[in-house]
mmCIF file of all heavy atoms, coordinates in Angstrom:
data_MODEL
# 
_entry.id   MODEL 
# 
loop_
_atom_site.group_PDB 
_atom_site.id 
_atom_site.type_symbol 
_atom_site.label_atom_id 
_atom_site.label_alt_id 
_atom_site.label_comp_id 
_atom_site.label_asym_id 
_atom_site.label_entity_id 
_atom_site.label_seq_id 
_atom_site.pdbx_PDB_ins_code 
_atom_site.Cartn_x 
_atom_site.Cartn_y 
_atom_site.Cartn_z 
_atom_site.occupancy 
_atom_site.B_iso_or_equiv 
_atom_site.pdbx_formal_charge 
_atom_site.auth_seq_id 
_atom_site.auth_comp_id 
_atom_site.auth_asym_id 
_atom_site.auth_atom_id 
_atom_site.pdbx_PDB_model_num 
ATOM 1   N N   . VAL A 1 1  ? 94.044  92.836  99.624  1.00 0.00 ? 1  VAL A N   1 
ATOM 2   C CA  . VAL A 1 1  ? 94.976  93.479  98.706  1.00 0.00 ? 1  VAL A CA  1 
ATOM 3   C C   . VAL A 1 1  ? 95.547  94.749  99.334  1.00 0.00 ? 1  VAL A C   1 
ATOM 4   O O   . VAL A 1 1  ? 96.745  95.035  99.223  1.00 0.00 ? 1  VAL A O   1 
ATOM 5   C CB  . VAL A 1 1  ? 94.306  93.769  97.339  1.00 0.00 ? 1  VAL A CB  1 
ATOM 6   C CG1 . VAL A 1 1  ? 93.207  94.810  97.463  1.00 0.00 ? 1  VAL A CG1 1 
ATOM 7   C CG2 . VAL A 1 1  ? 95.354  94.197  96.327  1.00 0.00 ? 1  VAL A CG2 1 
ATOM 8   N N   . PHE A 1 2  ? 94.720  95.517  100.046 1.00 0.00 ? 2  PHE A N   1 
ATOM 9   C CA  . PHE A 1 2  ? 95.213  96.706  100.741 1.00 0.00 ? 2  PHE A CA  1 
ATOM 10  C C   . PHE A 1 2  ? 96.100  96.312  101.920 1.00 0.00 ? 2  PHE A C   1 
ATOM 11  O O   . PHE A 1 2  ? 97.206  96.828  102.097 1.00 0.00 ? 2  PHE A O   1 
ATOM 12  C CB  . PHE A 1 2  ? 94.039  97.547  101.261 1.00 0.00 ? 2  PHE A CB  1 
ATOM 13  C CG  . PHE A 1 2  ? 93.212  98.194  100.193 1.00 0.00 ? 2  PHE A CG  1 
ATOM 14  C CD1 . PHE A 1 2  ? 91.935  97.746  99.909  1.00 0.00 ? 2  PHE A CD1 1 
ATOM 15  C CD2 . PHE A 1 2  ? 93.696  99.279  99.475  1.00 0.00 ? 2  PHE A CD2 1 
ATOM 16  C CE1 . PHE A 1 2  ? 91.157  98.347  98.937  1.00 0.00 ? 2  PHE A CE1 1 
ATOM 17  C CE2 . PHE A 1 2  ? 92.935  99.899  98.495  1.00 0.00 ? 2  PHE A CE2 1 
ATOM 18  C CZ  . PHE A 1 2  ? 91.661  99.430  98.223  1.00 0.00 ? 2  PHE A CZ  1 
ATOM 19  N N   . ARG A 1 3  ? 95.603  95.399  102.745 1.00 0.00 ? 3  ARG A N   1 
ATOM 20  C CA  . ARG A 1 3  ? 96.326  95.010  103.952 1.00 0.00 ? 3  ARG A CA  1 
ATOM 21  C C   . ARG A 1 3  ? 97.709  94.461  103.622 1.00 0.00 ? 3  ARG A C   1 
ATOM 22  O O   . ARG A 1 3  ? 98.702  94.792  104.279 1.00 0.00 ? 3  ARG A O   1 
ATOM 23  C CB  . ARG A 1 3  ? 95.525  93.972  104.738 1.00 0.00 ? 3  ARG A CB  1 
ATOM 24  C CG  . ARG A 1 3  ? 96.107  93.700  106.114 1.00 0.00 ? 3  ARG A CG  1 
ATOM 25  C CD  . ARG A 1 3  ? 95.586  92.450  106.773 1.00 0.00 ? 3  ARG A CD  1 
ATOM 26  N NE  . ARG A 1 3  ? 94.143  92.232  106.610 1.00 0.00 ? 3  ARG A NE  1 
ATOM 27  C CZ  . ARG A 1 3  ? 93.513  91.214  107.188 1.00 0.00 ? 3  ARG A CZ  1 
ATOM 28  N NH1 . ARG A 1 3  ? 94.175  90.361  107.940 1.00 0.00 ? 3  ARG A NH1 1 
ATOM 29  N NH2 . ARG A 1 3  ? 92.229  91.048  106.994 1.00 0.00 ? 3  ARG A NH2 1 
ATOM 30  N N   . ASN A 1 4  ? 97.770  93.628  102.598 1.00 0.00 ? 4  ASN A N   1 
ATOM 31  C CA  . ASN A 1 4  ? 99.056  93.044  102.219 1.00 0.00 ? 4  ASN A CA  1 
ATOM 32  C C   . ASN A 1 4  ? 100.037 94.108  101.754 1.00 0.00 ? 4  ASN A C   1 
ATOM 33  O O   . ASN A 1 4  ? 101.224 94.073  102.098 1.00 0.00 ? 4  ASN A O   1 
ATOM 34  C CB  . ASN A 1 4  ? 98.837  92.001  101.120 1.00 0.00 ? 4  ASN A CB  1 
ATOM 35  C CG  . ASN A 1 4  ? 100.128 91.343  100.681 1.00 0.00 ? 4  ASN A CG  1 
ATOM 36  O OD1 . ASN A 1 4  ? 100.790 90.659  101.446 1.00 0.00 ? 4  ASN A OD1 1 
ATOM 37  N ND2 . ASN A 1 4  ? 100.494 91.556  99.421  1.00 0.00 ? 4  ASN A ND2 1 
ATOM 38  N N   . TYR A 1 5  ? 99.562  95.063  100.953 1.00 0.00 ? 5  TYR A N   1 
ATOM 39  C CA  . TYR A 1 5  ? 100.434 96.156  100.528 1.00 0.00 ? 5  TYR A CA  1 
ATOM 40  C C   . TYR A 1 5  ? 100.944 96.955  101.727 1.00 0.00 ? 5  TYR A C   1 
ATOM 41  O O   . TYR A 1 5  ? 102.127 97.284  101.818 1.00 0.00 ? 5  TYR A O   1 
ATOM 42  C CB  . TYR A 1 5  ? 99.697  97.091  99.570  1.00 0.00 ? 5  TYR A CB  1 
ATOM 43  C CG  . TYR A 1 5  ? 99.588  96.589  98.152  1.00 0.00 ? 5  TYR A CG  1 
ATOM 44  C CD1 . TYR A 1 5  ? 98.417  96.772  97.421  1.00 0.00 ? 5  TYR A CD1 1 
ATOM 45  C CD2 . TYR A 1 5  ? 100.658 95.947  97.526  1.00 0.00 ? 5  TYR A CD2 1 
ATOM 46  C CE1 . TYR A 1 5  ? 98.307  96.323  96.110  1.00 0.00 ? 5  TYR A CE1 1 
ATOM 47  C CE2 . TYR A 1 5  ? 100.557 95.503  96.210  1.00 0.00 ? 5  TYR A CE2 1 
ATOM 48  C CZ  . TYR A 1 5  ? 99.377  95.688  95.513  1.00 0.00 ? 5  TYR A CZ  1 
ATOM 49  O OH  . TYR A 1 5  ? 99.279  95.253  94.214  1.00 0.00 ? 5  TYR A OH  1 
ATOM 50  N N   . PHE A 1 6  ? 100.053 97.275  102.663 1.00 0.00 ? 6  PHE A N   1 
ATOM 51  C CA  . PHE A 1 6  ? 100.460 98.080  103.808 1.00 0.00 ? 6  PHE A CA  1 
ATOM 52  C C   . PHE A 1 6  ? 101.444 97.323  104.693 1.00 0.00 ? 6  PHE A C   1 
ATOM 53  O O   . PHE A 1 6  ? 102.413 97.903  105.204 1.00 0.00 ? 6  PHE A O   1 
ATOM 54  C CB  . PHE A 1 6  ? 99.232  98.508  104.619 1.00 0.00 ? 6  PHE A CB  1 
ATOM 55  C CG  . PHE A 1 6  ? 98.240  99.341  103.854 1.00 0.00 ? 6  PHE A CG  1 
ATOM 56  C CD1 . PHE A 1 6  ? 96.897  99.362  104.200 1.00 0.00 ? 6  PHE A CD1 1 
ATOM 57  C CD2 . PHE A 1 6  ? 98.645  100.116 102.770 1.00 0.00 ? 6  PHE A CD2 1 
ATOM 58  C CE1 . PHE A 1 6  ? 95.983  100.128 103.498 1.00 0.00 ? 6  PHE A CE1 1 
ATOM 59  C CE2 . PHE A 1 6  ? 97.731  100.888 102.046 1.00 0.00 ? 6  PHE A CE2 1 
ATOM 60  C CZ  . PHE A 1 6  ? 96.399  100.889 102.417 1.00 0.00 ? 6  PHE A CZ  1 
ATOM 61  N N   . GLU A 1 7  ? 101.205 96.023  104.877 1.00 0.00 ? 7  GLU A N   1 
ATOM 62  C CA  . GLU A 1 7  ? 102.095 95.220  105.716 1.00 0.00 ? 7  GLU A CA  1 
ATOM 63  C C   . GLU A 1 7  ? 103.469 95.027  105.088 1.00 0.00 ? 7  GLU A C   1 
ATOM 64  O O   . GLU A 1 7  ? 104.461 94.829  105.800 1.00 0.00 ? 7  GLU A O   1 
ATOM 65  C CB  . GLU A 1 7  ? 101.465 93.850  105.992 1.00 0.00 ? 7  GLU A CB  1 
ATOM 66  C CG  . GLU A 1 7  ? 100.252 93.897  106.898 1.00 0.00 ? 7  GLU A CG  1 
ATOM 67  C CD  . GLU A 1 7  ? 99.566  92.550  107.038 1.00 0.00 ? 7  GLU A CD  1 
ATOM 68  O OE1 . GLU A 1 7  ? 99.902  91.610  106.287 1.00 0.00 ? 7  GLU A OE1 1 
ATOM 69  O OE2 . GLU A 1 7  ? 98.672  92.442  107.890 1.00 0.00 ? 7  GLU A OE2 1 
ATOM 70  N N   . ASN A 1 8  ? 103.528 95.070  103.768 1.00 0.00 ? 8  ASN A N   1 
ATOM 71  C CA  . ASN A 1 8  ? 104.786 94.824  103.050 1.00 0.00 ? 8  ASN A CA  1 
ATOM 72  C C   . ASN A 1 8  ? 105.218 96.040  102.247 1.00 0.00 ? 8  ASN A C   1 
ATOM 73  O O   . ASN A 1 8  ? 105.874 95.902  101.205 1.00 0.00 ? 8  ASN A O   1 
ATOM 74  C CB  . ASN A 1 8  ? 104.618 93.618  102.114 1.00 0.00 ? 8  ASN A CB  1 
ATOM 75  C CG  . ASN A 1 8  ? 104.426 92.313  102.855 1.00 0.00 ? 8  ASN A CG  1 
ATOM 76  O OD1 . ASN A 1 8  ? 105.363 91.776  103.429 1.00 0.00 ? 8  ASN A OD1 1 
ATOM 77  N ND2 . ASN A 1 8  ? 103.204 91.807  102.853 1.00 0.00 ? 8  ASN A ND2 1 
ATOM 78  N N   . ALA A 1 9  ? 104.894 97.223  102.734 1.00 0.00 ? 9  ALA A N   1 
ATOM 79  C CA  . ALA A 1 9  ? 105.145 98.453  101.967 1.00 0.00 ? 9  ALA A CA  1 
ATOM 80  C C   . ALA A 1 9  ? 106.601 98.570  101.530 1.00 0.00 ? 9  ALA A C   1 
ATOM 81  O O   . ALA A 1 9  ? 106.892 98.948  100.384 1.00 0.00 ? 9  ALA A O   1 
ATOM 82  C CB  . ALA A 1 9  ? 104.740 99.673  102.792 1.00 0.00 ? 9  ALA A CB  1 
ATOM 83  N N   . GLU A 1 10 ? 107.520 98.215  102.415 1.00 0.00 ? 10 GLU A N   1 
ATOM 84  C CA  . GLU A 1 10 ? 108.943 98.370  102.082 1.00 0.00 ? 10 GLU A CA  1 
ATOM 85  C C   . GLU A 1 10 ? 109.379 97.426  100.971 1.00 0.00 ? 10 GLU A C   1 
ATOM 86  O O   . GLU A 1 10 ? 110.439 97.619  100.364 1.00 0.00 ? 10 GLU A O   1 
ATOM 87  C CB  . GLU A 1 10 ? 109.796 98.129  103.337 1.00 0.00 ? 10 GLU A CB  1 
ATOM 88  C CG  . GLU A 1 10 ? 109.894 96.686  103.806 1.00 0.00 ? 10 GLU A CG  1 
ATOM 89  C CD  . GLU A 1 10 ? 108.656 96.182  104.548 1.00 0.00 ? 10 GLU A CD  1 
ATOM 90  O OE1 . GLU A 1 10 ? 107.711 96.995  104.755 1.00 0.00 ? 10 GLU A OE1 1 
ATOM 91  O OE2 . GLU A 1 10 ? 108.616 94.989  104.920 1.00 0.00 ? 10 GLU A OE2 1 
ATOM 92  N N   . ARG A 1 11 ? 108.566 96.433  100.656 1.00 0.00 ? 11 ARG A N   1 
ATOM 93  C CA  . ARG A 1 11 ? 108.897 95.473  99.611  1.00 0.00 ? 11 ARG A CA  1 
ATOM 94  C C   . ARG A 1 11 ? 108.264 95.854  98.265  1.00 0.00 ? 11 ARG A C   1 
ATOM 95  O O   . ARG A 1 11 ? 108.479 95.173  97.269  1.00 0.00 ? 11 ARG A O   1 
ATOM 96  C CB  . ARG A 1 11 ? 108.457 94.066  100.037 1.00 0.00 ? 11 ARG A CB  1 
ATOM 97  C CG  . ARG A 1 11 ? 108.970 93.692  101.414 1.00 0.00 ? 11 ARG A CG  1 
ATOM 98  C CD  . ARG A 1 11 ? 108.569 92.314  101.840 1.00 0.00 ? 11 ARG A CD  1 
ATOM 99  N NE  . ARG A 1 11 ? 109.491 91.318  101.320 1.00 0.00 ? 11 ARG A NE  1 
ATOM 100 C CZ  . ARG A 1 11 ? 109.466 90.021  101.684 1.00 0.00 ? 11 ARG A CZ  1 
ATOM 101 N NH1 . ARG A 1 11 ? 108.565 89.590  102.544 1.00 0.00 ? 11 ARG A NH1 1 
ATOM 102 N NH2 . ARG A 1 11 ? 110.335 89.177  101.166 1.00 0.00 ? 11 ARG A NH2 1 
ATOM 103 N N   . PHE A 1 12 ? 107.475 96.928  98.268  1.00 0.00 ? 12 PHE A N   1 
ATOM 104 C CA  . PHE A 1 12 ? 106.833 97.410  97.049  1.00 0.00 ? 12 PHE A CA  1 
ATOM 105 C C   . PHE A 1 12 ? 107.274 98.821  96.663  1.00 0.00 ? 12 PHE A C   1 
ATOM 106 O O   . PHE A 1 12 ? 107.458 99.109  95.467  1.00 0.00 ? 12 PHE A O   1 
ATOM 107 C CB  . PHE A 1 12 ? 105.308 97.399  97.201  1.00 0.00 ? 12 PHE A CB  1 
ATOM 108 C CG  . PHE A 1 12 ? 104.691 96.028  97.183  1.00 0.00 ? 12 PHE A CG  1 
ATOM 109 C CD1 . PHE A 1 12 ? 104.466 95.334  98.366  1.00 0.00 ? 12 PHE A CD1 1 
ATOM 110 C CD2 . PHE A 1 12 ? 104.339 95.419  95.993  1.00 0.00 ? 12 PHE A CD2 1 
ATOM 111 C CE1 . PHE A 1 12 ? 103.896 94.062  98.361  1.00 0.00 ? 12 PHE A CE1 1 
ATOM 112 C CE2 . PHE A 1 12 ? 103.775 94.154  95.968  1.00 0.00 ? 12 PHE A CE2 1 
ATOM 113 C CZ  . PHE A 1 12 ? 103.550 93.464  97.153  1.00 0.00 ? 12 PHE A CZ  1 
ATOM 114 N N   . VAL A 1 13 ? 107.406 99.710  97.644  1.00 0.00 ? 13 VAL A N   1 
ATOM 115 C CA  . VAL A 1 13 ? 107.714 101.114 97.355  1.00 0.00 ? 13 VAL A CA  1 
ATOM 116 C C   . VAL A 1 13 ? 109.039 101.225 96.603  1.00 0.00 ? 13 VAL A C   1 
ATOM 117 O O   . VAL A 1 13 ? 110.053 100.649 97.018  1.00 0.00 ? 13 VAL A O   1 
ATOM 118 C CB  . VAL A 1 13 ? 107.763 101.953 98.642  1.00 0.00 ? 13 VAL A CB  1 
ATOM 119 C CG1 . VAL A 1 13 ? 108.268 103.366 98.340  1.00 0.00 ? 13 VAL A CG1 1 
ATOM 120 C CG2 . VAL A 1 13 ? 106.379 102.022 99.277  1.00 0.00 ? 13 VAL A CG2 1 
ATOM 121 N N   . GLY A 1 14 ? 108.977 101.943 95.487  1.00 0.00 ? 14 GLY A N   1 
ATOM 122 C CA  . GLY A 1 14 ? 110.159 102.094 94.636  1.00 0.00 ? 14 GLY A CA  1 
ATOM 123 C C   . GLY A 1 14 ? 110.063 101.298 93.359  1.00 0.00 ? 14 GLY A C   1 
ATOM 124 O O   . GLY A 1 14 ? 110.887 101.460 92.459  1.00 0.00 ? 14 GLY A O   1 
ATOM 125 N N   . ILE A 1 15 ? 109.042 100.443 93.260  1.00 0.00 ? 15 ILE A N   1 
ATOM 126 C CA  . ILE A 1 15 ? 108.814 99.636  92.056  1.00 0.00 ? 15 ILE A CA  1 
ATOM 127 C C   . ILE A 1 15 ? 107.625 100.231 91.302  1.00 0.00 ? 15 ILE A C   1 
ATOM 128 O O   . ILE A 1 15 ? 106.514 100.290 91.813  1.00 0.00 ? 15 ILE A O   1 
ATOM 129 C CB  . ILE A 1 15 ? 108.519 98.165  92.405  1.00 0.00 ? 15 ILE A CB  1 
ATOM 130 C CG1 . ILE A 1 15 ? 109.634 97.556  93.251  1.00 0.00 ? 15 ILE A CG1 1 
ATOM 131 C CG2 . ILE A 1 15 ? 108.277 97.362  91.133  1.00 0.00 ? 15 ILE A CG2 1 
ATOM 132 C CD1 . ILE A 1 15 ? 110.944 97.395  92.551  1.00 0.00 ? 15 ILE A CD1 1 
ATOM 133 N N   . GLY A 1 16 ? 107.865 100.704 90.071  1.00 0.00 ? 16 GLY A N   1 
ATOM 134 C CA  . GLY A 1 16 ? 106.775 101.218 89.249  1.00 0.00 ? 16 GLY A CA  1 
ATOM 135 C C   . GLY A 1 16 ? 105.994 102.322 89.937  1.00 0.00 ? 16 GLY A C   1 
ATOM 136 O O   . GLY A 1 16 ? 106.565 103.273 90.475  1.00 0.00 ? 16 GLY A O   1 
ATOM 137 N N   . ASN A 1 17 ? 104.651 102.172 89.960  1.00 0.00 ? 17 ASN A N   1 
ATOM 138 C CA  . ASN A 1 17 ? 103.823 103.208 90.593  1.00 0.00 ? 17 ASN A CA  1 
ATOM 139 C C   . ASN A 1 17 ? 103.584 102.932 92.078  1.00 0.00 ? 17 ASN A C   1 
ATOM 140 O O   . ASN A 1 17 ? 102.701 103.532 92.698  1.00 0.00 ? 17 ASN A O   1 
ATOM 141 C CB  . ASN A 1 17 ? 102.494 103.386 89.854  1.00 0.00 ? 17 ASN A CB  1 
ATOM 142 C CG  . ASN A 1 17 ? 101.575 102.179 89.989  1.00 0.00 ? 17 ASN A CG  1 
ATOM 143 O OD1 . ASN A 1 17 ? 101.963 101.143 90.528  1.00 0.00 ? 17 ASN A OD1 1 
ATOM 144 N ND2 . ASN A 1 17 ? 100.359 102.308 89.480  1.00 0.00 ? 17 ASN A ND2 1 
ATOM 145 N N   . TYR A 1 18 ? 104.371 102.025 92.628  1.00 0.00 ? 18 TYR A N   1 
ATOM 146 C CA  . TYR A 1 18 ? 104.336 101.828 94.079  1.00 0.00 ? 18 TYR A CA  1 
ATOM 147 C C   . TYR A 1 18 ? 105.211 102.904 94.720  1.00 0.00 ? 18 TYR A C   1 
ATOM 148 O O   . TYR A 1 18 ? 106.380 102.688 95.046  1.00 0.00 ? 18 TYR A O   1 
ATOM 149 C CB  . TYR A 1 18 ? 104.831 100.431 94.454  1.00 0.00 ? 18 TYR A CB  1 
ATOM 150 C CG  . TYR A 1 18 ? 103.926 99.316  93.994  1.00 0.00 ? 18 TYR A CG  1 
ATOM 151 C CD1 . TYR A 1 18 ? 104.293 98.488  92.937  1.00 0.00 ? 18 TYR A CD1 1 
ATOM 152 C CD2 . TYR A 1 18 ? 102.702 99.087  94.620  1.00 0.00 ? 18 TYR A CD2 1 
ATOM 153 C CE1 . TYR A 1 18 ? 103.462 97.464  92.514  1.00 0.00 ? 18 TYR A CE1 1 
ATOM 154 C CE2 . TYR A 1 18 ? 101.868 98.062  94.198  1.00 0.00 ? 18 TYR A CE2 1 
ATOM 155 C CZ  . TYR A 1 18 ? 102.254 97.259  93.149  1.00 0.00 ? 18 TYR A CZ  1 
ATOM 156 O OH  . TYR A 1 18 ? 101.425 96.244  92.729  1.00 0.00 ? 18 TYR A OH  1 
ATOM 157 N N   . THR A 1 19 ? 104.634 104.072 94.887  1.00 0.00 ? 19 THR A N   1 
ATOM 158 C CA  . THR A 1 19 ? 105.323 105.219 95.454  1.00 0.00 ? 19 THR A CA  1 
ATOM 159 C C   . THR A 1 19 ? 104.653 105.584 96.780  1.00 0.00 ? 19 THR A C   1 
ATOM 160 O O   . THR A 1 19 ? 103.574 105.075 97.120  1.00 0.00 ? 19 THR A O   1 
ATOM 161 C CB  . THR A 1 19 ? 105.234 106.416 94.511  1.00 0.00 ? 19 THR A CB  1 
ATOM 162 O OG1 . THR A 1 19 ? 103.839 106.767 94.349  1.00 0.00 ? 19 THR A OG1 1 
ATOM 163 C CG2 . THR A 1 19 ? 105.824 106.083 93.134  1.00 0.00 ? 19 THR A CG2 1 
ATOM 164 N N   . GLU A 1 20 ? 105.284 106.476 97.506  1.00 0.00 ? 20 GLU A N   1 
ATOM 165 C CA  . GLU A 1 20 ? 104.661 106.953 98.745  1.00 0.00 ? 20 GLU A CA  1 
ATOM 166 C C   . GLU A 1 20 ? 103.320 107.613 98.436  1.00 0.00 ? 20 GLU A C   1 
ATOM 167 O O   . GLU A 1 20 ? 102.347 107.439 99.172  1.00 0.00 ? 20 GLU A O   1 
ATOM 168 C CB  . GLU A 1 20 ? 105.590 107.940 99.455  1.00 0.00 ? 20 GLU A CB  1 
ATOM 169 C CG  . GLU A 1 20 ? 106.887 107.323 99.980  1.00 0.00 ? 20 GLU A CG  1 
ATOM 170 C CD  . GLU A 1 20 ? 106.669 106.356 101.142 1.00 0.00 ? 20 GLU A CD  1 
ATOM 171 O OE1 . GLU A 1 20 ? 105.526 106.277 101.648 1.00 0.00 ? 20 GLU A OE1 1 
ATOM 172 O OE2 . GLU A 1 20 ? 107.630 105.674 101.539 1.00 0.00 ? 20 GLU A OE2 1 
ATOM 173 N N   . GLU A 1 21 ? 103.266 108.357 97.334  1.00 0.00 ? 21 GLU A N   1 
ATOM 174 C CA  . GLU A 1 21 ? 102.011 108.998 96.935  1.00 0.00 ? 21 GLU A CA  1 
ATOM 175 C C   . GLU A 1 21 ? 100.963 107.959 96.572  1.00 0.00 ? 21 GLU A C   1 
ATOM 176 O O   . GLU A 1 21 ? 99.779  108.103 96.899  1.00 0.00 ? 21 GLU A O   1 
ATOM 177 C CB  . GLU A 1 21 ? 102.244 109.939 95.757  1.00 0.00 ? 21 GLU A CB  1 
ATOM 178 C CG  . GLU A 1 21 ? 103.132 111.142 96.057  1.00 0.00 ? 21 GLU A CG  1 
ATOM 179 C CD  . GLU A 1 21 ? 104.618 110.793 96.084  1.00 0.00 ? 21 GLU A CD  1 
ATOM 180 O OE1 . GLU A 1 21 ? 104.990 109.648 95.693  1.00 0.00 ? 21 GLU A OE1 1 
ATOM 181 O OE2 . GLU A 1 21 ? 105.405 111.650 96.506  1.00 0.00 ? 21 GLU A OE2 1 
ATOM 182 N N   . GLY A 1 22 ? 101.407 106.894 95.887  1.00 0.00 ? 22 GLY A N   1 
ATOM 183 C CA  . GLY A 1 22 ? 100.485 105.823 95.523  1.00 0.00 ? 22 GLY A CA  1 
ATOM 184 C C   . GLY A 1 22 ? 99.913  105.119 96.741  1.00 0.00 ? 22 GLY A C   1 
ATOM 185 O O   . GLY A 1 22 ? 98.723  104.785 96.791  1.00 0.00 ? 22 GLY A O   1 
ATOM 186 N N   . PHE A 1 23 ? 100.767 104.901 97.744  1.00 0.00 ? 23 PHE A N   1 
ATOM 187 C CA  . PHE A 1 23 ? 100.287 104.262 98.973  1.00 0.00 ? 23 PHE A CA  1 
ATOM 188 C C   . PHE A 1 23 ? 99.313  105.179 99.707  1.00 0.00 ? 23 PHE A C   1 
ATOM 189 O O   . PHE A 1 23 ? 98.341  104.711 100.318 1.00 0.00 ? 23 PHE A O   1 
ATOM 190 C CB  . PHE A 1 23 ? 101.464 103.865 99.864  1.00 0.00 ? 23 PHE A CB  1 
ATOM 191 C CG  . PHE A 1 23 ? 101.929 102.457 99.617  1.00 0.00 ? 23 PHE A CG  1 
ATOM 192 C CD1 . PHE A 1 23 ? 102.592 102.114 98.445  1.00 0.00 ? 23 PHE A CD1 1 
ATOM 193 C CD2 . PHE A 1 23 ? 101.671 101.454 100.539 1.00 0.00 ? 23 PHE A CD2 1 
ATOM 194 C CE1 . PHE A 1 23 ? 103.007 100.816 98.211  1.00 0.00 ? 23 PHE A CE1 1 
ATOM 195 C CE2 . PHE A 1 23 ? 102.073 100.151 100.310 1.00 0.00 ? 23 PHE A CE2 1 
ATOM 196 C CZ  . PHE A 1 23 ? 102.743 99.825  99.140  1.00 0.00 ? 23 PHE A CZ  1 
ATOM 197 N N   . ALA A 1 24 ? 99.554  106.487 99.657  1.00 0.00 ? 24 ALA A N   1 
ATOM 198 C CA  . ALA A 1 24 ? 98.614  107.425 100.266 1.00 0.00 ? 24 ALA A CA  1 
ATOM 199 C C   . ALA A 1 24 ? 97.256  107.334 99.576  1.00 0.00 ? 24 ALA A C   1 
ATOM 200 O O   . ALA A 1 24 ? 96.199  107.390 100.239 1.00 0.00 ? 24 ALA A O   1 
ATOM 201 C CB  . ALA A 1 24 ? 99.170  108.846 100.172 1.00 0.00 ? 24 ALA A CB  1 
ATOM 202 N N   . GLN A 1 25 ? 97.274  107.178 98.246  1.00 0.00 ? 25 GLN A N   1 
ATOM 203 C CA  . GLN A 1 25 ? 96.022  107.018 97.501  1.00 0.00 ? 25 GLN A CA  1 
ATOM 204 C C   . GLN A 1 25 ? 95.284  105.754 97.949  1.00 0.00 ? 25 GLN A C   1 
ATOM 205 O O   . GLN A 1 25 ? 94.056  105.751 98.083  1.00 0.00 ? 25 GLN A O   1 
ATOM 206 C CB  . GLN A 1 25 ? 96.308  106.950 96.001  1.00 0.00 ? 25 GLN A CB  1 
ATOM 207 C CG  . GLN A 1 25 ? 96.752  108.261 95.386  1.00 0.00 ? 25 GLN A CG  1 
ATOM 208 C CD  . GLN A 1 25 ? 95.583  109.118 94.927  1.00 0.00 ? 25 GLN A CD  1 
ATOM 209 O OE1 . GLN A 1 25 ? 94.464  108.973 95.406  1.00 0.00 ? 25 GLN A OE1 1 
ATOM 210 N NE2 . GLN A 1 25 ? 95.856  110.032 94.011  1.00 0.00 ? 25 GLN A NE2 1 
ATOM 211 N N   . MET A 1 26 ? 96.033  104.674 98.179  1.00 0.00 ? 26 MET A N   1 
ATOM 212 C CA  . MET A 1 26 ? 95.395  103.429 98.608  1.00 0.00 ? 26 MET A CA  1 
ATOM 213 C C   . MET A 1 26 ? 94.784  103.570 99.995  1.00 0.00 ? 26 MET A C   1 
ATOM 214 O O   . MET A 1 26 ? 93.718  103.007 100.279 1.00 0.00 ? 26 MET A O   1 
ATOM 215 C CB  . MET A 1 26 ? 96.400  102.278 98.572  1.00 0.00 ? 26 MET A CB  1 
ATOM 216 C CG  . MET A 1 26 ? 96.744  101.800 97.171  1.00 0.00 ? 26 MET A CG  1 
ATOM 217 S SD  . MET A 1 26 ? 97.557  100.177 97.137  1.00 0.00 ? 26 MET A SD  1 
ATOM 218 C CE  . MET A 1 26 ? 99.169  100.577 97.819  1.00 0.00 ? 26 MET A CE  1 
ATOM 219 N N   . ARG A 1 27 ? 95.449  104.311 100.874 1.00 0.00 ? 27 ARG A N   1 
ATOM 220 C CA  . ARG A 1 27 ? 94.908  104.494 102.227 1.00 0.00 ? 27 ARG A CA  1 
ATOM 221 C C   . ARG A 1 27 ? 93.598  105.288 102.187 1.00 0.00 ? 27 ARG A C   1 
ATOM 222 O O   . ARG A 1 27 ? 92.693  105.044 102.991 1.00 0.00 ? 27 ARG A O   1 
ATOM 223 C CB  . ARG A 1 27 ? 95.939  105.171 103.116 1.00 0.00 ? 27 ARG A CB  1 
ATOM 224 C CG  . ARG A 1 27 ? 97.155  104.292 103.388 1.00 0.00 ? 27 ARG A CG  1 
ATOM 225 C CD  . ARG A 1 27 ? 98.093  104.870 104.431 1.00 0.00 ? 27 ARG A CD  1 
ATOM 226 N NE  . ARG A 1 27 ? 99.303  104.070 104.532 1.00 0.00 ? 27 ARG A NE  1 
ATOM 227 C CZ  . ARG A 1 27 ? 99.405  102.927 105.201 1.00 0.00 ? 27 ARG A CZ  1 
ATOM 228 N NH1 . ARG A 1 27 ? 98.347  102.456 105.846 1.00 0.00 ? 27 ARG A NH1 1 
ATOM 229 N NH2 . ARG A 1 27 ? 100.543 102.266 105.241 1.00 0.00 ? 27 ARG A NH2 1 
ATOM 230 N N   . VAL A 1 28 ? 93.494  106.190 101.250 1.00 0.00 ? 28 VAL A N   1 
ATOM 231 C CA  . VAL A 1 28 ? 92.238  106.927 101.066 1.00 0.00 ? 28 VAL A CA  1 
ATOM 232 C C   . VAL A 1 28 ? 91.181  106.018 100.442 1.00 0.00 ? 28 VAL A C   1 
ATOM 233 O O   . VAL A 1 28 ? 89.989  106.089 100.787 1.00 0.00 ? 28 VAL A O   1 
ATOM 234 C CB  . VAL A 1 28 ? 92.471  108.171 100.187 1.00 0.00 ? 28 VAL A CB  1 
ATOM 235 C CG1 . VAL A 1 28 ? 91.146  108.812 99.801  1.00 0.00 ? 28 VAL A CG1 1 
ATOM 236 C CG2 . VAL A 1 28 ? 93.358  109.175 100.910 1.00 0.00 ? 28 VAL A CG2 1 
ATOM 237 N N   . ALA A 1 29 ? 91.612  105.148 99.535  1.00 0.00 ? 29 ALA A N   1 
ATOM 238 C CA  . ALA A 1 29 ? 90.670  104.319 98.781  1.00 0.00 ? 29 ALA A CA  1 
ATOM 239 C C   . ALA A 1 29 ? 90.062  103.203 99.611  1.00 0.00 ? 29 ALA A C   1 
ATOM 240 O O   . ALA A 1 29 ? 88.907  102.813 99.369  1.00 0.00 ? 29 ALA A O   1 
ATOM 241 C CB  . ALA A 1 29 ? 91.359  103.729 97.554  1.00 0.00 ? 29 ALA A CB  1 
ATOM 242 N N   . GLN A 1 30 ? 90.799  102.638 100.583 1.00 0.00 ? 30 GLN A N   1 
ATOM 243 C CA  . GLN A 1 30 ? 90.274  101.478 101.293 1.00 0.00 ? 30 GLN A CA  1 
ATOM 244 C C   . GLN A 1 30 ? 88.939  101.754 101.988 1.00 0.00 ? 30 GLN A C   1 
ATOM 245 O O   . GLN A 1 30 ? 87.992  100.969 101.817 1.00 0.00 ? 30 GLN A O   1 
ATOM 246 C CB  . GLN A 1 30 ? 91.271  100.905 102.285 1.00 0.00 ? 30 GLN A CB  1 
ATOM 247 C CG  . GLN A 1 30 ? 90.732  99.621  102.925 1.00 0.00 ? 30 GLN A CG  1 
ATOM 248 C CD  . GLN A 1 30 ? 91.719  98.918  103.815 1.00 0.00 ? 30 GLN A CD  1 
ATOM 249 O OE1 . GLN A 1 30 ? 92.630  99.532  104.360 1.00 0.00 ? 30 GLN A OE1 1 
ATOM 250 N NE2 . GLN A 1 30 ? 91.546  97.609  103.966 1.00 0.00 ? 30 GLN A NE2 1 
# 
């Protein structure tokens, strides 16, 4: 779930809580 988000970040960022800050949170969480 983390890897897929990171690999496809440009296809998620900008939708809902898929923000740059949200992705930073995921990188800390993994």
